[in-house]
Amino acid sequence: MVTMPASAFAQVSPAEAQKTADEAIGRLRSPFCPGLMLEVCPTTTADALRDSIRGMAAEGQGVKQIVEGVLARHGEEWRAVPKRSGAGLLAWLVLPFVLLGGSVVVWTRVKAMRGQGQVYAVGGGMTDEERTRLDAALREFDRGEDEA
């Protein structure tokens, strides 16, 4: 007679199993609804997969074990959260570096623009010729508004 270790049949509380299942479901995209997470896919096959995940959680399997099992059956492309090792580590590091690099570029550009800025005098900086041309343009503009 073959005896199984007691841990092979470890049962967990319903609340703990639900929490584990929800976390595992939240880490998977749906293989049945392209572009949707498994938790919101409305198909009956997605319902069946969610039920099997809940069953695995009730049997005592952990989140990582459940997720890896589903991915082994359906494919790595359904992983919603990249791994924090190997090529997945690159996905975690690229965004912060891009944001940091972009911030540095914007900061240096703004700083350079401030240094090159011209100071404009308010009023009194016009020559007589410019003042005459401005007055003529304003009169022409006012005539256009009166006709409309």
N, C-alpha and C. Protein backbone atom coordinates (compact mmCIF):
# COMPACT_ATOMS: atom_id res chain seq x y z
N MET A 1 0.84 -1.18 0.00
CA MET A 1 0.00 0.00 0.00
C MET A 1 0.88 1.24 0.00
N VAL A 2 0.54 2.20 -0.86
CA VAL A 2 1.30 3.43 -0.97
C VAL A 2 0.67 4.47 -0.05
N THR A 3 1.48 5.08 0.75
CA THR A 3 0.96 6.12 1.65
C THR A 3 1.40 7.47 1.12
N MET A 4 0.49 8.39 1.15
CA MET A 4 0.78 9.75 0.70
C MET A 4 1.12 10.60 1.91
N PRO A 5 2.05 11.52 1.78
CA PRO A 5 2.33 12.41 2.90
C PRO A 5 1.12 13.25 3.23
N ALA A 6 1.00 13.60 4.49
CA ALA A 6 -0.16 14.38 4.94
C ALA A 6 -0.26 15.70 4.20
N SER A 7 0.88 16.28 3.79
CA SER A 7 0.85 17.57 3.11
C SER A 7 0.24 17.49 1.72
N ALA A 8 0.18 16.28 1.12
CA ALA A 8 -0.40 16.13 -0.20
C ALA A 8 -1.90 16.38 -0.18
N PHE A 9 -2.53 16.22 0.96
CA PHE A 9 -3.97 16.43 1.07
C PHE A 9 -4.31 17.62 1.95
N ALA A 10 -3.36 18.53 2.11
CA ALA A 10 -3.58 19.69 2.98
C ALA A 10 -4.73 20.53 2.46
N GLN A 11 -5.69 20.74 3.30
CA GLN A 11 -6.83 21.59 2.95
C GLN A 11 -6.61 22.96 3.58
N VAL A 12 -7.09 23.97 2.91
CA VAL A 12 -6.97 25.32 3.43
C VAL A 12 -8.37 25.86 3.68
N SER A 13 -8.44 26.92 4.46
CA SER A 13 -9.75 27.52 4.75
C SER A 13 -10.34 28.09 3.46
N PRO A 14 -11.67 28.14 3.37
CA PRO A 14 -12.30 28.69 2.16
C PRO A 14 -11.87 30.12 1.87
N ALA A 15 -11.71 30.94 2.91
CA ALA A 15 -11.30 32.33 2.70
C ALA A 15 -9.88 32.40 2.13
N GLU A 16 -8.99 31.57 2.67
CA GLU A 16 -7.61 31.55 2.19
C GLU A 16 -7.55 31.02 0.76
N ALA A 17 -8.33 30.00 0.47
CA ALA A 17 -8.36 29.43 -0.88
C ALA A 17 -8.89 30.46 -1.87
N GLN A 18 -9.92 31.21 -1.49
CA GLN A 18 -10.49 32.23 -2.37
C GLN A 18 -9.46 33.33 -2.65
N LYS A 19 -8.73 33.73 -1.60
CA LYS A 19 -7.72 34.77 -1.76
C LYS A 19 -6.61 34.30 -2.71
N THR A 20 -6.16 33.06 -2.54
CA THR A 20 -5.13 32.48 -3.40
C THR A 20 -5.62 32.39 -4.84
N ALA A 21 -6.83 31.90 -5.02
CA ALA A 21 -7.40 31.76 -6.37
C ALA A 21 -7.54 33.12 -7.04
N ASP A 22 -8.05 34.11 -6.31
CA ASP A 22 -8.22 35.45 -6.89
C ASP A 22 -6.88 36.04 -7.32
N GLU A 23 -5.86 35.85 -6.50
CA GLU A 23 -4.54 36.37 -6.84
C GLU A 23 -3.98 35.67 -8.08
N ALA A 24 -4.14 34.36 -8.15
CA ALA A 24 -3.66 33.61 -9.31
C ALA A 24 -4.42 34.02 -10.57
N ILE A 25 -5.73 34.15 -10.47
CA ILE A 25 -6.54 34.56 -11.62
C ILE A 25 -6.13 35.95 -12.07
N GLY A 26 -5.80 36.83 -11.13
CA GLY A 26 -5.38 38.19 -11.46
C GLY A 26 -4.03 38.27 -12.15
N ARG A 27 -3.26 37.20 -12.12
CA ARG A 27 -1.95 37.19 -12.76
C ARG A 27 -1.96 36.56 -14.15
N LEU A 28 -3.17 36.23 -14.64
CA LEU A 28 -3.28 35.54 -15.93
C LEU A 28 -4.17 36.32 -16.89
N ARG A 29 -3.74 36.34 -18.15
CA ARG A 29 -4.60 36.85 -19.21
C ARG A 29 -5.40 35.67 -19.74
N SER A 30 -6.53 35.93 -20.34
CA SER A 30 -7.40 34.85 -20.79
C SER A 30 -6.93 34.25 -22.10
N PRO A 31 -6.75 32.92 -22.14
CA PRO A 31 -6.43 32.26 -23.41
C PRO A 31 -7.65 32.18 -24.34
N PHE A 32 -8.81 32.54 -23.83
CA PHE A 32 -10.06 32.40 -24.59
C PHE A 32 -10.63 33.73 -25.08
N CYS A 33 -10.18 34.84 -24.50
CA CYS A 33 -10.64 36.17 -24.89
C CYS A 33 -9.41 37.06 -25.11
N PRO A 34 -8.90 37.15 -26.33
CA PRO A 34 -7.70 37.93 -26.59
C PRO A 34 -7.85 39.37 -26.08
N GLY A 35 -6.84 39.81 -25.34
CA GLY A 35 -6.82 41.18 -24.84
C GLY A 35 -7.49 41.36 -23.49
N LEU A 36 -8.11 40.32 -22.94
CA LEU A 36 -8.79 40.44 -21.65
C LEU A 36 -8.07 39.63 -20.59
N MET A 37 -8.20 40.10 -19.37
CA MET A 37 -7.70 39.32 -18.25
C MET A 37 -8.65 38.15 -18.01
N LEU A 38 -8.13 37.08 -17.42
CA LEU A 38 -8.94 35.90 -17.15
C LEU A 38 -10.11 36.23 -16.22
N GLU A 39 -9.90 37.15 -15.30
CA GLU A 39 -10.94 37.47 -14.32
C GLU A 39 -12.18 38.13 -14.94
N VAL A 40 -12.07 38.68 -16.15
CA VAL A 40 -13.23 39.35 -16.78
C VAL A 40 -13.69 38.68 -18.07
N CYS A 41 -13.04 37.60 -18.47
CA CYS A 41 -13.44 36.91 -19.70
C CYS A 41 -14.80 36.24 -19.48
N PRO A 42 -15.79 36.51 -20.37
CA PRO A 42 -17.15 36.01 -20.15
C PRO A 42 -17.43 34.61 -20.71
N THR A 43 -16.46 33.94 -21.30
CA THR A 43 -16.75 32.65 -21.93
C THR A 43 -16.90 31.53 -20.89
N THR A 44 -17.59 30.48 -21.31
CA THR A 44 -17.77 29.34 -20.41
C THR A 44 -16.46 28.59 -20.18
N THR A 45 -15.58 28.60 -21.17
CA THR A 45 -14.28 27.95 -20.98
C THR A 45 -13.44 28.72 -19.96
N ALA A 46 -13.58 30.03 -19.93
CA ALA A 46 -12.87 30.82 -18.91
C ALA A 46 -13.47 30.54 -17.54
N ASP A 47 -14.80 30.38 -17.48
CA ASP A 47 -15.44 30.01 -16.21
C ASP A 47 -14.89 28.68 -15.70
N ALA A 48 -14.73 27.73 -16.62
CA ALA A 48 -14.22 26.41 -16.24
C ALA A 48 -12.77 26.51 -15.74
N LEU A 49 -11.96 27.34 -16.39
CA LEU A 49 -10.58 27.52 -15.96
C LEU A 49 -10.52 28.19 -14.58
N ARG A 50 -11.36 29.20 -14.37
CA ARG A 50 -11.41 29.86 -13.06
C ARG A 50 -11.83 28.85 -11.97
N ASP A 51 -12.81 27.99 -12.29
CA ASP A 51 -13.25 26.97 -11.33
C ASP A 51 -12.13 25.99 -11.02
N SER A 52 -11.37 25.59 -12.04
CA SER A 52 -10.26 24.66 -11.78
C SER A 52 -9.17 25.33 -10.94
N ILE A 53 -8.95 26.62 -11.15
CA ILE A 53 -7.98 27.36 -10.33
C ILE A 53 -8.46 27.42 -8.88
N ARG A 54 -9.75 27.65 -8.70
CA ARG A 54 -10.30 27.66 -7.34
C ARG A 54 -10.13 26.29 -6.68
N GLY A 55 -10.31 25.23 -7.45
CA GLY A 55 -10.12 23.88 -6.93
C GLY A 55 -8.67 23.63 -6.53
N MET A 56 -7.73 24.11 -7.36
CA MET A 56 -6.31 23.94 -7.03
C MET A 56 -5.97 24.70 -5.75
N ALA A 57 -6.55 25.89 -5.60
CA ALA A 57 -6.29 26.69 -4.40
C ALA A 57 -6.89 26.00 -3.18
N ALA A 58 -8.06 25.39 -3.32
CA ALA A 58 -8.69 24.69 -2.20
C ALA A 58 -7.89 23.46 -1.79
N GLU A 59 -7.16 22.87 -2.74
CA GLU A 59 -6.31 21.72 -2.43
C GLU A 59 -5.01 22.13 -1.74
N GLY A 60 -4.76 23.43 -1.66
CA GLY A 60 -3.58 23.90 -0.96
C GLY A 60 -2.43 24.36 -1.84
N GLN A 61 -2.65 24.41 -3.16
CA GLN A 61 -1.59 24.90 -4.04
C GLN A 61 -1.42 26.41 -3.86
N GLY A 62 -0.21 26.88 -4.01
CA GLY A 62 0.08 28.30 -3.88
C GLY A 62 -0.15 29.04 -5.19
N VAL A 63 -0.13 30.36 -5.11
CA VAL A 63 -0.37 31.21 -6.29
C VAL A 63 0.63 30.89 -7.40
N LYS A 64 1.91 30.87 -7.05
CA LYS A 64 2.95 30.63 -8.06
C LYS A 64 2.77 29.26 -8.71
N GLN A 65 2.47 28.25 -7.91
CA GLN A 65 2.28 26.90 -8.42
C GLN A 65 1.08 26.84 -9.38
N ILE A 66 0.00 27.51 -9.02
CA ILE A 66 -1.19 27.53 -9.87
C ILE A 66 -0.90 28.23 -11.19
N VAL A 67 -0.31 29.41 -11.10
CA VAL A 67 -0.02 30.20 -12.31
C VAL A 67 0.91 29.43 -13.24
N GLU A 68 1.98 28.85 -12.69
CA GLU A 68 2.92 28.10 -13.53
C GLU A 68 2.24 26.88 -14.16
N GLY A 69 1.33 26.23 -13.43
CA GLY A 69 0.60 25.09 -13.98
C GLY A 69 -0.29 25.49 -15.14
N VAL A 70 -1.01 26.60 -15.00
CA VAL A 70 -1.88 27.07 -16.08
C VAL A 70 -1.04 27.47 -17.29
N LEU A 71 0.07 28.16 -17.05
CA LEU A 71 0.93 28.58 -18.15
C LEU A 71 1.57 27.38 -18.85
N ALA A 72 1.86 26.33 -18.11
CA ALA A 72 2.42 25.11 -18.72
C ALA A 72 1.42 24.48 -19.68
N ARG A 73 0.14 24.58 -19.36
CA ARG A 73 -0.90 23.99 -20.21
C ARG A 73 -1.29 24.91 -21.37
N HIS A 74 -1.31 26.23 -21.15
CA HIS A 74 -1.84 27.15 -22.16
C HIS A 74 -0.78 28.00 -22.86
N GLY A 75 0.37 28.18 -22.26
CA GLY A 75 1.43 28.95 -22.91
C GLY A 75 1.84 30.17 -22.11
N GLU A 76 3.12 30.50 -22.22
CA GLU A 76 3.71 31.61 -21.47
C GLU A 76 3.11 32.96 -21.85
N GLU A 77 2.59 33.10 -23.07
CA GLU A 77 2.05 34.39 -23.51
C GLU A 77 0.84 34.85 -22.72
N TRP A 78 0.27 34.00 -21.89
CA TRP A 78 -0.91 34.38 -21.10
C TRP A 78 -0.54 34.90 -19.72
N ARG A 79 0.75 35.05 -19.46
CA ARG A 79 1.21 35.62 -18.19
C ARG A 79 0.93 37.13 -18.23
N ALA A 80 0.19 37.64 -17.26
CA ALA A 80 -0.15 39.06 -17.23
C ALA A 80 0.95 39.90 -16.58
N VAL A 81 1.65 39.32 -15.63
CA VAL A 81 2.70 40.03 -14.92
C VAL A 81 4.02 39.38 -15.28
N PRO A 82 4.97 40.14 -15.87
CA PRO A 82 6.24 39.53 -16.27
C PRO A 82 7.01 38.97 -15.07
N LYS A 83 7.81 37.95 -15.33
CA LYS A 83 8.67 37.39 -14.30
C LYS A 83 9.67 38.46 -13.86
N ARG A 84 10.16 38.31 -12.64
CA ARG A 84 11.15 39.27 -12.15
C ARG A 84 12.56 38.69 -12.28
N SER A 85 12.74 37.89 -13.30
CA SER A 85 14.05 37.32 -13.58
C SER A 85 14.15 37.11 -15.09
N GLY A 86 15.36 36.94 -15.58
CA GLY A 86 15.58 36.69 -16.99
C GLY A 86 15.07 37.82 -17.86
N ALA A 87 14.43 37.47 -18.96
CA ALA A 87 13.92 38.48 -19.90
C ALA A 87 12.80 39.31 -19.28
N GLY A 88 12.04 38.72 -18.35
CA GLY A 88 10.97 39.46 -17.69
C GLY A 88 11.51 40.60 -16.85
N LEU A 89 12.72 40.46 -16.34
CA LEU A 89 13.34 41.53 -15.56
C LEU A 89 13.50 42.79 -16.40
N LEU A 90 13.78 42.60 -17.68
CA LEU A 90 13.91 43.74 -18.58
C LEU A 90 12.63 44.56 -18.63
N ALA A 91 11.48 43.90 -18.63
CA ALA A 91 10.20 44.60 -18.65
C ALA A 91 10.01 45.46 -17.41
N TRP A 92 10.53 45.00 -16.28
CA TRP A 92 10.41 45.77 -15.03
C TRP A 92 11.37 46.95 -15.00
N LEU A 93 12.49 46.84 -15.70
CA LEU A 93 13.51 47.88 -15.63
C LEU A 93 13.40 48.95 -16.72
N VAL A 94 12.86 48.61 -17.87
CA VAL A 94 12.82 49.55 -18.99
C VAL A 94 12.01 50.79 -18.66
N LEU A 95 10.81 50.64 -18.15
CA LEU A 95 9.94 51.79 -17.90
C LEU A 95 10.56 52.80 -16.93
N PRO A 96 11.09 52.39 -15.78
CA PRO A 96 11.70 53.39 -14.90
C PRO A 96 12.87 54.13 -15.56
N PHE A 97 13.69 53.39 -16.33
CA PHE A 97 14.82 54.05 -17.00
C PHE A 97 14.35 55.01 -18.08
N VAL A 98 13.33 54.65 -18.82
CA VAL A 98 12.79 55.54 -19.84
C VAL A 98 12.22 56.80 -19.18
N LEU A 99 11.47 56.64 -18.10
CA LEU A 99 10.92 57.80 -17.41
C LEU A 99 12.02 58.69 -16.84
N LEU A 100 13.03 58.09 -16.26
CA LEU A 100 14.15 58.86 -15.71
C LEU A 100 14.89 59.59 -16.83
N GLY A 101 15.19 58.88 -17.90
CA GLY A 101 15.88 59.50 -19.04
C GLY A 101 15.07 60.64 -19.64
N GLY A 102 13.77 60.43 -19.81
CA GLY A 102 12.91 61.49 -20.35
C GLY A 102 12.86 62.70 -19.45
N SER A 103 12.83 62.47 -18.15
CA SER A 103 12.82 63.58 -17.20
C SER A 103 14.10 64.39 -17.28
N VAL A 104 15.22 63.71 -17.43
CA VAL A 104 16.51 64.41 -17.55
C VAL A 104 16.54 65.23 -18.83
N VAL A 105 16.06 64.67 -19.93
CA VAL A 105 16.04 65.40 -21.20
C VAL A 105 15.16 66.64 -21.09
N VAL A 106 13.97 66.51 -20.52
CA VAL A 106 13.07 67.66 -20.38
C VAL A 106 13.69 68.70 -19.47
N TRP A 107 14.27 68.28 -18.35
CA TRP A 107 14.87 69.22 -17.40
C TRP A 107 16.01 70.00 -18.06
N THR A 108 16.90 69.30 -18.79
CA THR A 108 18.01 70.00 -19.43
C THR A 108 17.52 70.93 -20.54
N ARG A 109 16.49 70.51 -21.26
CA ARG A 109 15.95 71.36 -22.34
C ARG A 109 15.31 72.63 -21.77
N VAL A 110 14.55 72.48 -20.69
CA VAL A 110 13.92 73.65 -20.06
C VAL A 110 14.99 74.58 -19.52
N LYS A 111 16.01 74.01 -18.91
CA LYS A 111 17.10 74.83 -18.36
C LYS A 111 17.81 75.59 -19.48
N ALA A 112 18.05 74.93 -20.61
CA ALA A 112 18.70 75.58 -21.74
C ALA A 112 17.81 76.68 -22.33
N MET A 113 16.52 76.44 -22.40
CA MET A 113 15.60 77.44 -22.95
C MET A 113 15.53 78.67 -22.06
N ARG A 114 15.59 78.47 -20.75
CA ARG A 114 15.57 79.61 -19.83
C ARG A 114 16.81 80.47 -20.02
N GLY A 115 17.93 79.85 -20.26
CA GLY A 115 19.18 80.59 -20.44
C GLY A 115 19.21 81.38 -21.74
N GLN A 116 18.48 80.92 -22.75
CA GLN A 116 18.47 81.58 -24.06
C GLN A 116 17.31 82.55 -24.21
N GLY A 117 16.45 82.62 -23.24
CA GLY A 117 15.26 83.46 -23.36
C GLY A 117 15.59 84.94 -23.48
N GLN A 118 14.74 85.67 -24.18
CA GLN A 118 14.93 87.10 -24.32
C GLN A 118 13.97 87.81 -23.38
N VAL A 119 14.40 88.94 -22.92
CA VAL A 119 13.56 89.74 -22.05
C VAL A 119 12.82 90.73 -22.94
N TYR A 120 11.51 90.74 -22.85
CA TYR A 120 10.70 91.65 -23.65
C TYR A 120 10.21 92.78 -22.77
N ALA A 121 10.40 93.98 -23.25
CA ALA A 121 9.92 95.13 -22.51
C ALA A 121 8.43 95.28 -22.76
N VAL A 122 7.70 95.61 -21.71
CA VAL A 122 6.27 95.80 -21.83
C VAL A 122 6.02 97.27 -22.10
N GLY A 123 5.50 97.55 -23.28
CA GLY A 123 5.20 98.95 -23.63
C GLY A 123 6.48 99.77 -23.81
N GLY A 124 6.41 100.80 -24.61
CA GLY A 124 7.51 101.73 -24.76
C GLY A 124 8.66 101.20 -25.58
N GLY A 125 8.63 99.96 -26.04
CA GLY A 125 9.74 99.41 -26.79
C GLY A 125 9.52 99.51 -28.29
N MET A 126 8.50 100.28 -28.75
CA MET A 126 8.19 100.35 -30.17
C MET A 126 8.73 101.65 -30.75
N THR A 127 9.15 101.54 -32.00
CA THR A 127 9.58 102.75 -32.71
C THR A 127 8.33 103.46 -33.21
N ASP A 128 8.51 104.69 -33.67
CA ASP A 128 7.37 105.46 -34.20
C ASP A 128 6.76 104.77 -35.42
N GLU A 129 7.61 104.19 -36.26
CA GLU A 129 7.10 103.50 -37.45
C GLU A 129 6.25 102.29 -37.06
N GLU A 130 6.72 101.51 -36.07
CA GLU A 130 5.97 100.35 -35.61
C GLU A 130 4.65 100.77 -34.98
N ARG A 131 4.66 101.85 -34.22
CA ARG A 131 3.44 102.36 -33.59
C ARG A 131 2.42 102.77 -34.66
N THR A 132 2.88 103.45 -35.74
CA THR A 132 1.99 103.87 -36.83
C THR A 132 1.39 102.65 -37.53
N ARG A 133 2.20 101.65 -37.81
CA ARG A 133 1.70 100.44 -38.47
C ARG A 133 0.69 99.70 -37.58
N LEU A 134 0.95 99.65 -36.28
CA LEU A 134 0.03 98.99 -35.35
C LEU A 134 -1.29 99.73 -35.29
N ASP A 135 -1.25 101.03 -35.20
CA ASP A 135 -2.49 101.82 -35.16
C ASP A 135 -3.32 101.61 -36.43
N ALA A 136 -2.66 101.57 -37.58
CA ALA A 136 -3.37 101.36 -38.86
C ALA A 136 -4.00 99.98 -38.87
N ALA A 137 -3.28 98.96 -38.39
CA ALA A 137 -3.81 97.60 -38.37
C ALA A 137 -5.00 97.50 -37.42
N LEU A 138 -4.94 98.17 -36.28
CA LEU A 138 -6.06 98.15 -35.33
C LEU A 138 -7.29 98.84 -35.90
N ARG A 139 -7.08 99.97 -36.61
CA ARG A 139 -8.23 100.65 -37.25
C ARG A 139 -8.87 99.76 -38.30
N GLU A 140 -8.04 99.06 -39.09
CA GLU A 140 -8.55 98.15 -40.13
C GLU A 140 -9.33 97.00 -39.47
N PHE A 141 -8.82 96.49 -38.37
CA PHE A 141 -9.50 95.42 -37.65
C PHE A 141 -10.84 95.89 -37.10
N ASP A 142 -10.87 97.09 -36.52
CA ASP A 142 -12.13 97.63 -35.99
C ASP A 142 -13.16 97.83 -37.10
N ARG A 143 -12.74 98.30 -38.29
CA ARG A 143 -13.66 98.46 -39.41
C ARG A 143 -14.24 97.11 -39.84
N GLY A 144 -13.43 96.08 -39.82
CA GLY A 144 -13.88 94.73 -40.19
C GLY A 144 -14.93 94.21 -39.22
N GLU A 145 -14.77 94.49 -37.94
CA GLU A 145 -15.75 94.06 -36.94
C GLU A 145 -17.06 94.82 -37.04
N ASP A 146 -16.97 96.13 -37.37
CA ASP A 146 -18.18 96.95 -37.49
C ASP A 146 -19.03 96.48 -38.66
N GLU A 147 -18.40 96.02 -39.74
CA GLU A 147 -19.15 95.55 -40.92
C GLU A 147 -19.79 94.19 -40.66
N ALA A 148 -19.24 93.40 -39.77
CA ALA A 148 -19.75 92.05 -39.52
C ALA A 148 -20.92 92.06 -38.63
